[in-house]
Amino acid sequence: MTTTRLDVWFDPACPFSWMTSRWLVEVAQQRPLDLHWHVMSLAVLNEGRELPPVHAERMRDARRGVRLVVAAAQRRGDGVLGDLNTALGERIHVQQRGVDDAARAALAELGLDTDLVEALDDASYDDAVAASHRQGQDAVGEDVGTPVVAVDGRAFFGPVVTPIPHGQEGLDLFEGLRLLSRTPAFAELKRARSGPPAFT
C-alpha cells in the first residue's frame, strides 16, 4: 500500500483542530501515513477583527499556546509537534484545564525542558508562528480556519469532525479525503455543524 503524506496545520487551542488530529492519529495506526505537523494560529487568523471580550481572551490564550509549541519545535525538532499537540489537547479540551497548567503538565509528560513554559509569554516567537501559519494559508487559500490538512500536497480546510470518527467510519472518511485530493476541480463541500465539540 502506498504511503500517503499528510501535512496538518493545527492550533492546540482549537477543539476542531484537535479532533481532526485524533482521527488522523487513529487512521495512521491502520494506514501507511507520513504525518507532518505544523502550527496554524487562531490568534493570527483573527488579527484586526472586532471580537467580543470572551473571544478576545480566548485568542490571547491561543497565541500563548502556539508560542509554546513553536519554542518546543525549535529546541527539539518538528518531531515533537504531534505528541505535544496530543498532550496539550487532552488537557485543554478534554480536561478543561487552563493553558498554563496544560503547558506545564504536557512538558512534564513528554520529558521536555520545563523552562519552555516561559515561551507562553515570549513574543519573540510570534514571527515563527506567523510564518508557519502563512504556509498553511498559502497551501489552502484565504478565509479558512483550523485545521488545514494537505494530502500529498493538495490542501483543504478540515475536515471538521464532531464527534471523532473511529474504526471503519474513520477509515472511510480518510479514503474519501484521499479521493477528493486527486480531483483538481474539487474546491469546497460544507454543511452546518450540529452542536458543540464532542470529544469522543
N, C-alpha and C. Protein backbone atom coordinates (compact mmCIF):
# COMPACT_ATOMS: atom_id res chain seq x y z
N MET A 1 0.85 -1.20 0.00
CA MET A 1 0.00 0.00 0.00
C MET A 1 0.88 1.25 0.00
N THR A 2 0.57 2.20 -0.85
CA THR A 2 1.37 3.41 -0.99
C THR A 2 1.23 4.30 0.25
N THR A 3 2.35 4.84 0.70
CA THR A 3 2.33 5.76 1.84
C THR A 3 1.79 7.11 1.39
N THR A 4 0.88 7.66 2.17
CA THR A 4 0.29 8.97 1.91
C THR A 4 0.91 9.99 2.84
N ARG A 5 1.40 11.09 2.27
CA ARG A 5 1.92 12.17 3.10
C ARG A 5 0.79 13.09 3.50
N LEU A 6 0.71 13.37 4.80
CA LEU A 6 -0.28 14.31 5.32
C LEU A 6 0.45 15.42 6.06
N ASP A 7 0.20 16.65 5.66
CA ASP A 7 0.68 17.82 6.40
C ASP A 7 -0.53 18.42 7.10
N VAL A 8 -0.42 18.58 8.41
CA VAL A 8 -1.54 19.04 9.22
C VAL A 8 -1.14 20.32 9.95
N TRP A 9 -1.87 21.40 9.69
CA TRP A 9 -1.67 22.66 10.41
C TRP A 9 -2.71 22.73 11.53
N PHE A 10 -2.25 22.89 12.75
CA PHE A 10 -3.13 22.84 13.92
C PHE A 10 -2.85 23.99 14.86
N ASP A 11 -3.86 24.34 15.64
CA ASP A 11 -3.71 25.23 16.77
C ASP A 11 -4.17 24.44 17.99
N PRO A 12 -3.32 24.26 19.01
CA PRO A 12 -3.73 23.44 20.16
C PRO A 12 -4.93 24.01 20.90
N ALA A 13 -5.27 25.28 20.66
CA ALA A 13 -6.43 25.88 21.31
C ALA A 13 -7.73 25.58 20.58
N CYS A 14 -7.66 25.04 19.37
CA CYS A 14 -8.86 24.82 18.56
C CYS A 14 -9.40 23.41 18.78
N PRO A 15 -10.61 23.28 19.33
CA PRO A 15 -11.14 21.93 19.58
C PRO A 15 -11.36 21.12 18.31
N PHE A 16 -11.75 21.78 17.24
CA PHE A 16 -12.00 21.04 16.00
C PHE A 16 -10.69 20.59 15.36
N SER A 17 -9.67 21.40 15.48
CA SER A 17 -8.34 21.01 15.04
C SER A 17 -7.87 19.77 15.80
N TRP A 18 -8.11 19.77 17.10
CA TRP A 18 -7.67 18.64 17.92
C TRP A 18 -8.43 17.37 17.57
N MET A 19 -9.72 17.47 17.35
CA MET A 19 -10.50 16.27 17.00
C MET A 19 -10.07 15.71 15.64
N THR A 20 -9.80 16.58 14.68
CA THR A 20 -9.30 16.10 13.39
C THR A 20 -7.97 15.38 13.58
N SER A 21 -7.12 15.92 14.43
CA SER A 21 -5.83 15.28 14.67
C SER A 21 -6.00 13.91 15.33
N ARG A 22 -6.99 13.77 16.23
CA ARG A 22 -7.24 12.46 16.87
C ARG A 22 -7.67 11.44 15.81
N TRP A 23 -8.53 11.86 14.89
CA TRP A 23 -8.96 10.98 13.81
C TRP A 23 -7.77 10.53 12.97
N LEU A 24 -6.91 11.47 12.61
CA LEU A 24 -5.77 11.13 11.75
C LEU A 24 -4.75 10.25 12.46
N VAL A 25 -4.53 10.49 13.75
CA VAL A 25 -3.62 9.65 14.52
C VAL A 25 -4.15 8.21 14.55
N GLU A 26 -5.46 8.05 14.69
CA GLU A 26 -6.04 6.70 14.68
C GLU A 26 -5.91 6.06 13.31
N VAL A 27 -6.18 6.82 12.25
CA VAL A 27 -6.04 6.28 10.89
C VAL A 27 -4.60 5.84 10.65
N ALA A 28 -3.63 6.60 11.17
CA ALA A 28 -2.22 6.29 10.95
C ALA A 28 -1.81 4.96 11.57
N GLN A 29 -2.62 4.43 12.49
CA GLN A 29 -2.35 3.12 13.07
C GLN A 29 -2.80 2.00 12.14
N GLN A 30 -3.59 2.35 11.12
CA GLN A 30 -4.15 1.33 10.23
C GLN A 30 -3.81 1.54 8.76
N ARG A 31 -3.27 2.69 8.42
CA ARG A 31 -2.90 3.00 7.05
C ARG A 31 -1.50 3.61 7.05
N PRO A 32 -0.72 3.40 5.98
CA PRO A 32 0.64 3.97 5.95
C PRO A 32 0.61 5.47 5.69
N LEU A 33 0.67 6.24 6.75
CA LEU A 33 0.65 7.70 6.65
C LEU A 33 2.00 8.26 7.09
N ASP A 34 2.45 9.27 6.39
CA ASP A 34 3.64 10.03 6.75
C ASP A 34 3.15 11.39 7.24
N LEU A 35 2.97 11.49 8.57
CA LEU A 35 2.35 12.66 9.17
C LEU A 35 3.39 13.74 9.49
N HIS A 36 3.09 14.96 9.06
CA HIS A 36 3.93 16.12 9.36
C HIS A 36 3.04 17.19 9.99
N TRP A 37 3.44 17.67 11.17
CA TRP A 37 2.63 18.62 11.93
C TRP A 37 3.22 20.02 11.81
N HIS A 38 2.33 21.01 11.71
CA HIS A 38 2.72 22.41 11.58
C HIS A 38 1.78 23.27 12.42
N VAL A 39 2.24 24.44 12.79
CA VAL A 39 1.43 25.35 13.60
C VAL A 39 0.60 26.27 12.70
N MET A 40 -0.66 26.42 13.06
CA MET A 40 -1.53 27.45 12.50
C MET A 40 -2.15 28.17 13.69
N SER A 41 -2.41 29.44 13.57
CA SER A 41 -2.79 30.23 14.75
C SER A 41 -4.14 30.90 14.58
N LEU A 42 -5.07 30.55 15.48
CA LEU A 42 -6.36 31.25 15.51
C LEU A 42 -6.18 32.73 15.84
N ALA A 43 -5.18 33.04 16.67
CA ALA A 43 -4.93 34.44 17.03
C ALA A 43 -4.48 35.23 15.81
N VAL A 44 -3.59 34.66 15.02
CA VAL A 44 -3.16 35.33 13.79
C VAL A 44 -4.34 35.46 12.83
N LEU A 45 -5.13 34.42 12.73
CA LEU A 45 -6.28 34.41 11.83
C LEU A 45 -7.27 35.52 12.17
N ASN A 46 -7.37 35.84 13.45
CA ASN A 46 -8.35 36.83 13.91
C ASN A 46 -7.77 38.22 14.15
N GLU A 47 -6.51 38.42 13.78
CA GLU A 47 -5.90 39.74 13.97
C GLU A 47 -6.67 40.80 13.19
N GLY A 48 -6.90 41.94 13.85
CA GLY A 48 -7.58 43.05 13.19
C GLY A 48 -9.09 42.96 13.20
N ARG A 49 -9.64 41.89 13.76
CA ARG A 49 -11.10 41.74 13.80
C ARG A 49 -11.63 42.21 15.15
N GLU A 50 -12.82 42.79 15.13
CA GLU A 50 -13.50 43.16 16.37
C GLU A 50 -14.11 41.90 16.97
N LEU A 51 -13.68 41.56 18.18
CA LEU A 51 -14.13 40.33 18.81
C LEU A 51 -14.81 40.65 20.14
N PRO A 52 -15.83 39.88 20.51
CA PRO A 52 -16.40 40.02 21.86
C PRO A 52 -15.31 39.76 22.90
N PRO A 53 -15.42 40.36 24.09
CA PRO A 53 -14.37 40.21 25.11
C PRO A 53 -14.00 38.76 25.42
N VAL A 54 -14.98 37.87 25.51
CA VAL A 54 -14.69 36.47 25.83
C VAL A 54 -13.86 35.83 24.72
N HIS A 55 -14.22 36.13 23.48
CA HIS A 55 -13.50 35.57 22.34
C HIS A 55 -12.09 36.16 22.26
N ALA A 56 -11.95 37.44 22.56
CA ALA A 56 -10.64 38.08 22.55
C ALA A 56 -9.72 37.44 23.59
N GLU A 57 -10.27 37.10 24.74
CA GLU A 57 -9.48 36.43 25.78
C GLU A 57 -9.03 35.05 25.30
N ARG A 58 -9.91 34.35 24.61
CA ARG A 58 -9.52 33.04 24.05
C ARG A 58 -8.38 33.19 23.04
N MET A 59 -8.41 34.25 22.25
CA MET A 59 -7.35 34.46 21.28
C MET A 59 -6.02 34.76 21.97
N ARG A 60 -6.05 35.44 23.11
CA ARG A 60 -4.81 35.68 23.86
C ARG A 60 -4.24 34.35 24.36
N ASP A 61 -5.10 33.47 24.87
CA ASP A 61 -4.64 32.15 25.30
C ASP A 61 -4.13 31.34 24.12
N ALA A 62 -4.83 31.45 22.99
CA ALA A 62 -4.42 30.71 21.79
C ALA A 62 -3.03 31.15 21.34
N ARG A 63 -2.78 32.45 21.36
CA ARG A 63 -1.46 32.96 20.96
C ARG A 63 -0.38 32.40 21.87
N ARG A 64 -0.65 32.32 23.14
CA ARG A 64 0.34 31.80 24.09
C ARG A 64 0.64 30.33 23.82
N GLY A 65 -0.40 29.56 23.51
CA GLY A 65 -0.21 28.14 23.26
C GLY A 65 0.66 27.84 22.05
N VAL A 66 0.44 28.56 20.96
CA VAL A 66 1.25 28.29 19.76
C VAL A 66 2.69 28.76 19.95
N ARG A 67 2.91 29.76 20.77
CA ARG A 67 4.29 30.14 21.10
C ARG A 67 5.02 28.97 21.74
N LEU A 68 4.36 28.31 22.69
CA LEU A 68 4.97 27.17 23.36
C LEU A 68 5.31 26.07 22.37
N VAL A 69 4.39 25.77 21.47
CA VAL A 69 4.60 24.69 20.51
C VAL A 69 5.77 25.01 19.58
N VAL A 70 5.82 26.25 19.10
CA VAL A 70 6.93 26.65 18.23
C VAL A 70 8.26 26.60 18.98
N ALA A 71 8.28 27.05 20.22
CA ALA A 71 9.51 27.03 21.01
C ALA A 71 10.00 25.60 21.20
N ALA A 72 9.10 24.68 21.49
CA ALA A 72 9.48 23.28 21.67
C ALA A 72 10.05 22.70 20.37
N ALA A 73 9.44 23.03 19.24
CA ALA A 73 9.94 22.53 17.96
C ALA A 73 11.31 23.12 17.63
N GLN A 74 11.52 24.38 17.95
CA GLN A 74 12.83 24.99 17.70
C GLN A 74 13.92 24.33 18.53
N ARG A 75 13.56 23.91 19.74
CA ARG A 75 14.57 23.32 20.61
C ARG A 75 14.76 21.83 20.35
N ARG A 76 13.67 21.10 20.07
CA ARG A 76 13.74 19.64 19.97
C ARG A 76 13.46 19.10 18.57
N GLY A 77 13.07 19.96 17.64
CA GLY A 77 12.78 19.49 16.29
C GLY A 77 11.28 19.30 16.07
N ASP A 78 10.88 19.31 14.80
CA ASP A 78 9.46 19.21 14.46
C ASP A 78 8.84 17.88 14.89
N GLY A 79 9.67 16.88 15.14
CA GLY A 79 9.14 15.58 15.56
C GLY A 79 8.37 15.62 16.87
N VAL A 80 8.55 16.68 17.65
CA VAL A 80 7.85 16.79 18.93
C VAL A 80 6.42 17.33 18.77
N LEU A 81 6.09 17.89 17.60
CA LEU A 81 4.82 18.60 17.44
C LEU A 81 3.60 17.71 17.62
N GLY A 82 3.61 16.53 17.04
CA GLY A 82 2.44 15.66 17.16
C GLY A 82 2.14 15.26 18.59
N ASP A 83 3.18 14.85 19.31
CA ASP A 83 2.99 14.45 20.71
C ASP A 83 2.58 15.62 21.59
N LEU A 84 3.14 16.80 21.29
CA LEU A 84 2.78 17.97 22.09
C LEU A 84 1.34 18.39 21.81
N ASN A 85 0.91 18.29 20.57
CA ASN A 85 -0.49 18.56 20.24
C ASN A 85 -1.41 17.63 21.02
N THR A 86 -1.05 16.35 21.06
CA THR A 86 -1.85 15.37 21.80
C THR A 86 -1.91 15.71 23.29
N ALA A 87 -0.75 15.96 23.88
CA ALA A 87 -0.68 16.20 25.32
C ALA A 87 -1.40 17.50 25.72
N LEU A 88 -1.21 18.55 24.93
CA LEU A 88 -1.91 19.80 25.24
C LEU A 88 -3.41 19.67 25.02
N GLY A 89 -3.81 19.07 23.91
CA GLY A 89 -5.22 18.96 23.59
C GLY A 89 -6.00 18.15 24.61
N GLU A 90 -5.40 17.07 25.09
CA GLU A 90 -6.06 16.26 26.11
C GLU A 90 -6.38 17.09 27.35
N ARG A 91 -5.46 17.95 27.71
CA ARG A 91 -5.66 18.76 28.91
C ARG A 91 -6.56 19.97 28.66
N ILE A 92 -6.36 20.64 27.52
CA ILE A 92 -7.14 21.85 27.25
C ILE A 92 -8.59 21.52 26.92
N HIS A 93 -8.80 20.52 26.08
CA HIS A 93 -10.15 20.26 25.57
C HIS A 93 -10.91 19.22 26.38
N VAL A 94 -10.27 18.12 26.72
CA VAL A 94 -10.97 17.06 27.45
C VAL A 94 -11.05 17.37 28.93
N GLN A 95 -9.91 17.75 29.52
CA GLN A 95 -9.87 18.02 30.95
C GLN A 95 -10.24 19.46 31.31
N GLN A 96 -10.34 20.33 30.30
CA GLN A 96 -10.75 21.73 30.51
C GLN A 96 -9.80 22.47 31.45
N ARG A 97 -8.51 22.23 31.31
CA ARG A 97 -7.51 22.93 32.12
C ARG A 97 -7.03 24.18 31.38
N GLY A 98 -6.58 25.16 32.15
CA GLY A 98 -6.06 26.38 31.56
C GLY A 98 -4.76 26.15 30.82
N VAL A 99 -4.38 27.12 29.99
CA VAL A 99 -3.20 26.96 29.15
C VAL A 99 -1.93 26.78 29.98
N ASP A 100 -1.77 27.57 31.02
CA ASP A 100 -0.55 27.47 31.83
C ASP A 100 -0.42 26.09 32.47
N ASP A 101 -1.49 25.62 33.09
CA ASP A 101 -1.49 24.30 33.73
C ASP A 101 -1.27 23.21 32.69
N ALA A 102 -1.98 23.32 31.55
CA ALA A 102 -1.84 22.32 30.49
C ALA A 102 -0.42 22.28 29.96
N ALA A 103 0.19 23.45 29.79
CA ALA A 103 1.56 23.52 29.27
C ALA A 103 2.54 22.83 30.20
N ARG A 104 2.47 23.14 31.48
CA ARG A 104 3.40 22.52 32.44
C ARG A 104 3.24 21.01 32.47
N ALA A 105 1.99 20.55 32.50
CA ALA A 105 1.75 19.11 32.56
C ALA A 105 2.19 18.41 31.28
N ALA A 106 1.95 19.03 30.13
CA ALA A 106 2.33 18.42 28.85
C ALA A 106 3.85 18.33 28.73
N LEU A 107 4.55 19.39 29.12
CA LEU A 107 6.01 19.37 29.06
C LEU A 107 6.57 18.27 29.96
N ALA A 108 6.00 18.14 31.15
CA ALA A 108 6.46 17.10 32.08
C ALA A 108 6.19 15.71 31.52
N GLU A 109 5.00 15.51 30.96
CA GLU A 109 4.65 14.19 30.41
C GLU A 109 5.62 13.76 29.31
N LEU A 110 6.01 14.71 28.47
CA LEU A 110 6.85 14.39 27.32
C LEU A 110 8.34 14.48 27.61
N GLY A 111 8.69 14.84 28.84
CA GLY A 111 10.10 14.95 29.20
C GLY A 111 10.79 16.11 28.51
N LEU A 112 10.04 17.15 28.20
CA LEU A 112 10.61 18.35 27.58
C LEU A 112 11.07 19.31 28.65
N ASP A 113 11.97 20.20 28.27
CA ASP A 113 12.54 21.15 29.22
C ASP A 113 11.44 22.01 29.84
N THR A 114 11.40 22.03 31.17
CA THR A 114 10.33 22.75 31.85
C THR A 114 10.40 24.25 31.63
N ASP A 115 11.61 24.77 31.32
CA ASP A 115 11.71 26.21 31.11
C ASP A 115 11.03 26.66 29.81
N LEU A 116 10.61 25.71 28.97
CA LEU A 116 9.87 26.07 27.76
C LEU A 116 8.56 26.78 28.08
N VAL A 117 8.06 26.60 29.30
CA VAL A 117 6.81 27.26 29.68
C VAL A 117 6.95 28.78 29.58
N GLU A 118 8.17 29.28 29.68
CA GLU A 118 8.39 30.72 29.56
C GLU A 118 8.03 31.25 28.18
N ALA A 119 8.00 30.37 27.18
CA ALA A 119 7.65 30.78 25.81
C ALA A 119 6.21 31.26 25.72
N LEU A 120 5.36 30.87 26.64
CA LEU A 120 3.96 31.30 26.60
C LEU A 120 3.83 32.82 26.50
N ASP A 121 4.73 33.52 27.17
CA ASP A 121 4.65 34.98 27.21
C ASP A 121 5.82 35.66 26.50
N ASP A 122 6.46 34.91 25.60
CA ASP A 122 7.62 35.43 24.88
C ASP A 122 7.23 35.76 23.43
N ALA A 123 7.03 37.04 23.17
CA ALA A 123 6.57 37.48 21.85
C ALA A 123 7.62 37.29 20.76
N SER A 124 8.85 36.93 21.13
CA SER A 124 9.87 36.72 20.11
C SER A 124 9.55 35.51 19.22
N TYR A 125 8.63 34.66 19.66
CA TYR A 125 8.24 33.50 18.86
C TYR A 125 7.13 33.84 17.86
N ASP A 126 6.57 35.03 17.94
CA ASP A 126 5.41 35.36 17.11
C ASP A 126 5.70 35.36 15.62
N ASP A 127 6.92 35.75 15.22
CA ASP A 127 7.25 35.74 13.80
C ASP A 127 7.27 34.32 13.25
N ALA A 128 7.82 33.39 14.03
CA ALA A 128 7.85 31.98 13.59
C ALA A 128 6.44 31.40 13.52
N VAL A 129 5.59 31.77 14.48
CA VAL A 129 4.19 31.35 14.45
C VAL A 129 3.52 31.87 13.19
N ALA A 130 3.70 33.15 12.90
CA ALA A 130 3.07 33.76 11.74
C ALA A 130 3.57 33.13 10.44
N ALA A 131 4.85 32.78 10.38
CA ALA A 131 5.40 32.17 9.17
C ALA A 131 4.80 30.80 8.91
N SER A 132 4.68 29.99 9.97
CA SER A 132 4.07 28.67 9.81
C SER A 132 2.59 28.78 9.44
N HIS A 133 1.92 29.73 10.09
CA HIS A 133 0.52 29.99 9.78
C HIS A 133 0.35 30.37 8.31
N ARG A 134 1.23 31.22 7.82
CA ARG A 134 1.15 31.67 6.43
C ARG A 134 1.35 30.51 5.47
N GLN A 135 2.21 29.56 5.81
CA GLN A 135 2.40 28.38 4.95
C GLN A 135 1.09 27.61 4.81
N GLY A 136 0.38 27.45 5.92
CA GLY A 136 -0.90 26.76 5.86
C GLY A 136 -1.91 27.52 5.04
N GLN A 137 -1.98 28.84 5.23
CA GLN A 137 -2.91 29.67 4.46
C GLN A 137 -2.57 29.64 2.98
N ASP A 138 -1.27 29.72 2.67
CA ASP A 138 -0.86 29.71 1.26
C ASP A 138 -1.21 28.38 0.60
N ALA A 139 -1.19 27.30 1.38
CA ALA A 139 -1.48 25.98 0.81
C ALA A 139 -2.95 25.82 0.44
N VAL A 140 -3.84 26.50 1.19
CA VAL A 140 -5.27 26.25 1.01
C VAL A 140 -6.05 27.47 0.53
N GLY A 141 -5.53 28.67 0.76
CA GLY A 141 -6.24 29.88 0.38
C GLY A 141 -6.74 30.63 1.60
N GLU A 142 -7.21 31.83 1.37
CA GLU A 142 -7.67 32.69 2.46
C GLU A 142 -9.06 32.27 2.96
N ASP A 143 -9.46 32.90 4.06
CA ASP A 143 -10.81 32.72 4.61
C ASP A 143 -11.07 31.28 5.05
N VAL A 144 -10.08 30.67 5.69
CA VAL A 144 -10.26 29.35 6.30
C VAL A 144 -9.72 29.40 7.72
N GLY A 145 -10.08 28.40 8.50
CA GLY A 145 -9.59 28.30 9.86
C GLY A 145 -8.73 27.07 10.04
N THR A 146 -8.74 26.53 11.26
CA THR A 146 -8.01 25.31 11.54
C THR A 146 -9.01 24.17 11.68
N PRO A 147 -8.60 22.97 11.31
CA PRO A 147 -7.28 22.60 10.80
C PRO A 147 -7.19 22.76 9.28
N VAL A 148 -5.97 22.76 8.79
CA VAL A 148 -5.70 22.60 7.36
C VAL A 148 -4.97 21.28 7.20
N VAL A 149 -5.45 20.46 6.27
CA VAL A 149 -4.84 19.15 6.00
C VAL A 149 -4.48 19.08 4.53
N ALA A 150 -3.22 18.77 4.26
CA ALA A 150 -2.76 18.59 2.88
C ALA A 150 -2.48 17.10 2.65
N VAL A 151 -3.12 16.55 1.63
CA VAL A 151 -2.95 15.14 1.27
C VAL A 151 -2.05 15.08 0.04
N ASP A 152 -0.84 14.57 0.24
CA ASP A 152 0.14 14.52 -0.85
C ASP A 152 0.24 15.87 -1.57
N GLY A 153 0.23 16.95 -0.78
CA GLY A 153 0.44 18.28 -1.33
C GLY A 153 -0.80 19.07 -1.70
N ARG A 154 -1.98 18.42 -1.72
CA ARG A 154 -3.21 19.14 -2.04
C ARG A 154 -3.96 19.44 -0.74
N ALA A 155 -4.11 20.74 -0.42
CA ALA A 155 -4.58 21.14 0.91
C ALA A 155 -6.06 21.48 0.92
N PHE A 156 -6.66 21.24 2.10
CA PHE A 156 -8.07 21.54 2.36
C PHE A 156 -8.19 22.15 3.74
N PHE A 157 -9.21 22.96 3.93
CA PHE A 157 -9.64 23.33 5.28
C PHE A 157 -10.46 22.17 5.81
N GLY A 158 -10.06 21.63 6.93
CA GLY A 158 -10.76 20.48 7.50
C GLY A 158 -10.11 19.17 7.06
N PRO A 159 -10.85 18.05 7.17
CA PRO A 159 -12.25 18.03 7.56
C PRO A 159 -12.48 18.35 9.03
N VAL A 160 -13.58 19.05 9.27
CA VAL A 160 -14.03 19.34 10.63
C VAL A 160 -14.97 18.21 11.03
N VAL A 161 -14.65 17.55 12.14
CA VAL A 161 -15.42 16.38 12.56
C VAL A 161 -15.83 16.51 14.02
N THR A 162 -17.05 16.14 14.31
CA THR A 162 -17.51 16.00 15.69
C THR A 162 -18.78 15.13 15.68
N PRO A 163 -18.76 14.04 16.45
CA PRO A 163 -17.64 13.54 17.25
C PRO A 163 -16.55 12.94 16.36
N ILE A 164 -15.48 12.48 16.98
CA ILE A 164 -14.36 11.90 16.25
C ILE A 164 -14.79 10.58 15.62
N PRO A 165 -14.60 10.41 14.31
CA PRO A 165 -14.97 9.14 13.68
C PRO A 165 -13.93 8.05 13.99
N HIS A 166 -14.39 6.90 14.42
CA HIS A 166 -13.50 5.80 14.79
C HIS A 166 -13.71 4.61 13.87
N GLY A 167 -12.76 3.68 13.93
CA GLY A 167 -12.90 2.42 13.21
C GLY A 167 -13.10 2.59 11.72
N GLN A 168 -14.02 1.79 11.18
CA GLN A 168 -14.26 1.80 9.75
C GLN A 168 -14.78 3.16 9.28
N GLU A 169 -15.57 3.83 10.12
CA GLU A 169 -16.08 5.15 9.75
C GLU A 169 -14.92 6.12 9.51
N GLY A 170 -13.93 6.07 10.39
CA GLY A 170 -12.77 6.94 10.24
C GLY A 170 -11.96 6.60 9.00
N LEU A 171 -11.80 5.30 8.71
CA LEU A 171 -11.08 4.88 7.51
C LEU A 171 -11.82 5.30 6.25
N ASP A 172 -13.13 5.17 6.26
CA ASP A 172 -13.93 5.56 5.09
C ASP A 172 -13.78 7.06 4.82
N LEU A 173 -13.80 7.86 5.89
CA LEU A 173 -13.64 9.30 5.72
C LEU A 173 -12.27 9.62 5.13
N PHE A 174 -11.25 8.92 5.61
CA PHE A 174 -9.91 9.16 5.09
C PHE A 174 -9.82 8.80 3.61
N GLU A 175 -10.40 7.67 3.23
CA GLU A 175 -10.37 7.28 1.82
C GLU A 175 -11.11 8.29 0.96
N GLY A 176 -12.20 8.84 1.49
CA GLY A 176 -12.92 9.88 0.77
C GLY A 176 -12.07 11.12 0.58
N LEU A 177 -11.33 11.50 1.63
CA LEU A 177 -10.46 12.65 1.54
C LEU A 177 -9.35 12.42 0.51
N ARG A 178 -8.80 11.22 0.51
CA ARG A 178 -7.77 10.91 -0.49
C ARG A 178 -8.32 11.00 -1.90
N LEU A 179 -9.54 10.50 -2.10
CA LEU A 179 -10.17 10.57 -3.41
C LEU A 179 -10.38 12.02 -3.84
N LEU A 180 -10.89 12.85 -2.94
CA LEU A 180 -11.10 14.26 -3.27
C LEU A 180 -9.78 14.95 -3.59
N SER A 181 -8.72 14.56 -2.90
CA SER A 181 -7.42 15.19 -3.13
C SER A 181 -6.90 14.92 -4.53
N ARG A 182 -7.39 13.86 -5.17
CA ARG A 182 -6.95 13.53 -6.54
C ARG A 182 -7.82 14.20 -7.59
N THR A 183 -8.77 15.02 -7.18
CA THR A 183 -9.70 15.67 -8.10
C THR A 183 -9.39 17.16 -8.13
N PRO A 184 -8.57 17.62 -9.10
CA PRO A 184 -8.16 19.03 -9.12
C PRO A 184 -9.32 20.01 -9.15
N ALA A 185 -10.45 19.61 -9.71
CA ALA A 185 -11.59 20.53 -9.82
C ALA A 185 -12.30 20.73 -8.49
N PHE A 186 -12.09 19.84 -7.51
CA PHE A 186 -12.82 19.93 -6.26
C PHE A 186 -12.32 21.10 -5.42
N ALA A 187 -13.24 21.92 -4.90
CA ALA A 187 -12.86 23.08 -4.10
C ALA A 187 -13.52 23.12 -2.73
N GLU A 188 -14.81 22.78 -2.61
CA GLU A 188 -15.48 23.01 -1.33
C GLU A 188 -16.68 22.09 -1.17
N LEU A 189 -16.87 21.65 0.09
CA LEU A 189 -18.03 20.85 0.47
C LEU A 189 -18.26 21.16 1.94
N LYS A 190 -19.47 21.61 2.29
CA LYS A 190 -19.68 22.07 3.66
C LYS A 190 -21.13 21.91 4.08
N ARG A 191 -21.34 21.67 5.39
CA ARG A 191 -22.66 21.76 6.00
C ARG A 191 -22.50 22.27 7.42
N ALA A 192 -23.57 22.76 7.99
CA ALA A 192 -23.52 23.32 9.34
C ALA A 192 -23.25 22.23 10.37
N ARG A 193 -22.48 22.56 11.41
CA ARG A 193 -22.27 21.64 12.49
C ARG A 193 -23.55 21.51 13.32
N SER A 194 -23.74 20.34 13.92
CA SER A 194 -24.99 20.08 14.63
C SER A 194 -24.91 20.38 16.12
N GLY A 195 -23.76 20.81 16.60
CA GLY A 195 -23.66 21.09 18.03
C GLY A 195 -22.23 21.38 18.42
N PRO A 196 -21.98 21.49 19.73
CA PRO A 196 -20.63 21.79 20.21
C PRO A 196 -19.69 20.60 20.01
N PRO A 197 -18.39 20.78 20.19
CA PRO A 197 -17.44 19.69 20.05
C PRO A 197 -17.78 18.54 20.99
N ALA A 198 -17.66 17.32 20.47
CA ALA A 198 -17.87 16.11 21.29
C ALA A 198 -16.58 15.31 21.26
N PHE A 199 -15.85 15.31 22.35
CA PHE A 199 -14.50 14.74 22.38
C PHE A 199 -14.53 13.24 22.67
N THR A 200 -15.15 12.48 21.77
CA THR A 200 -15.20 11.03 21.95
C THR A 200 -14.84 10.34 20.67
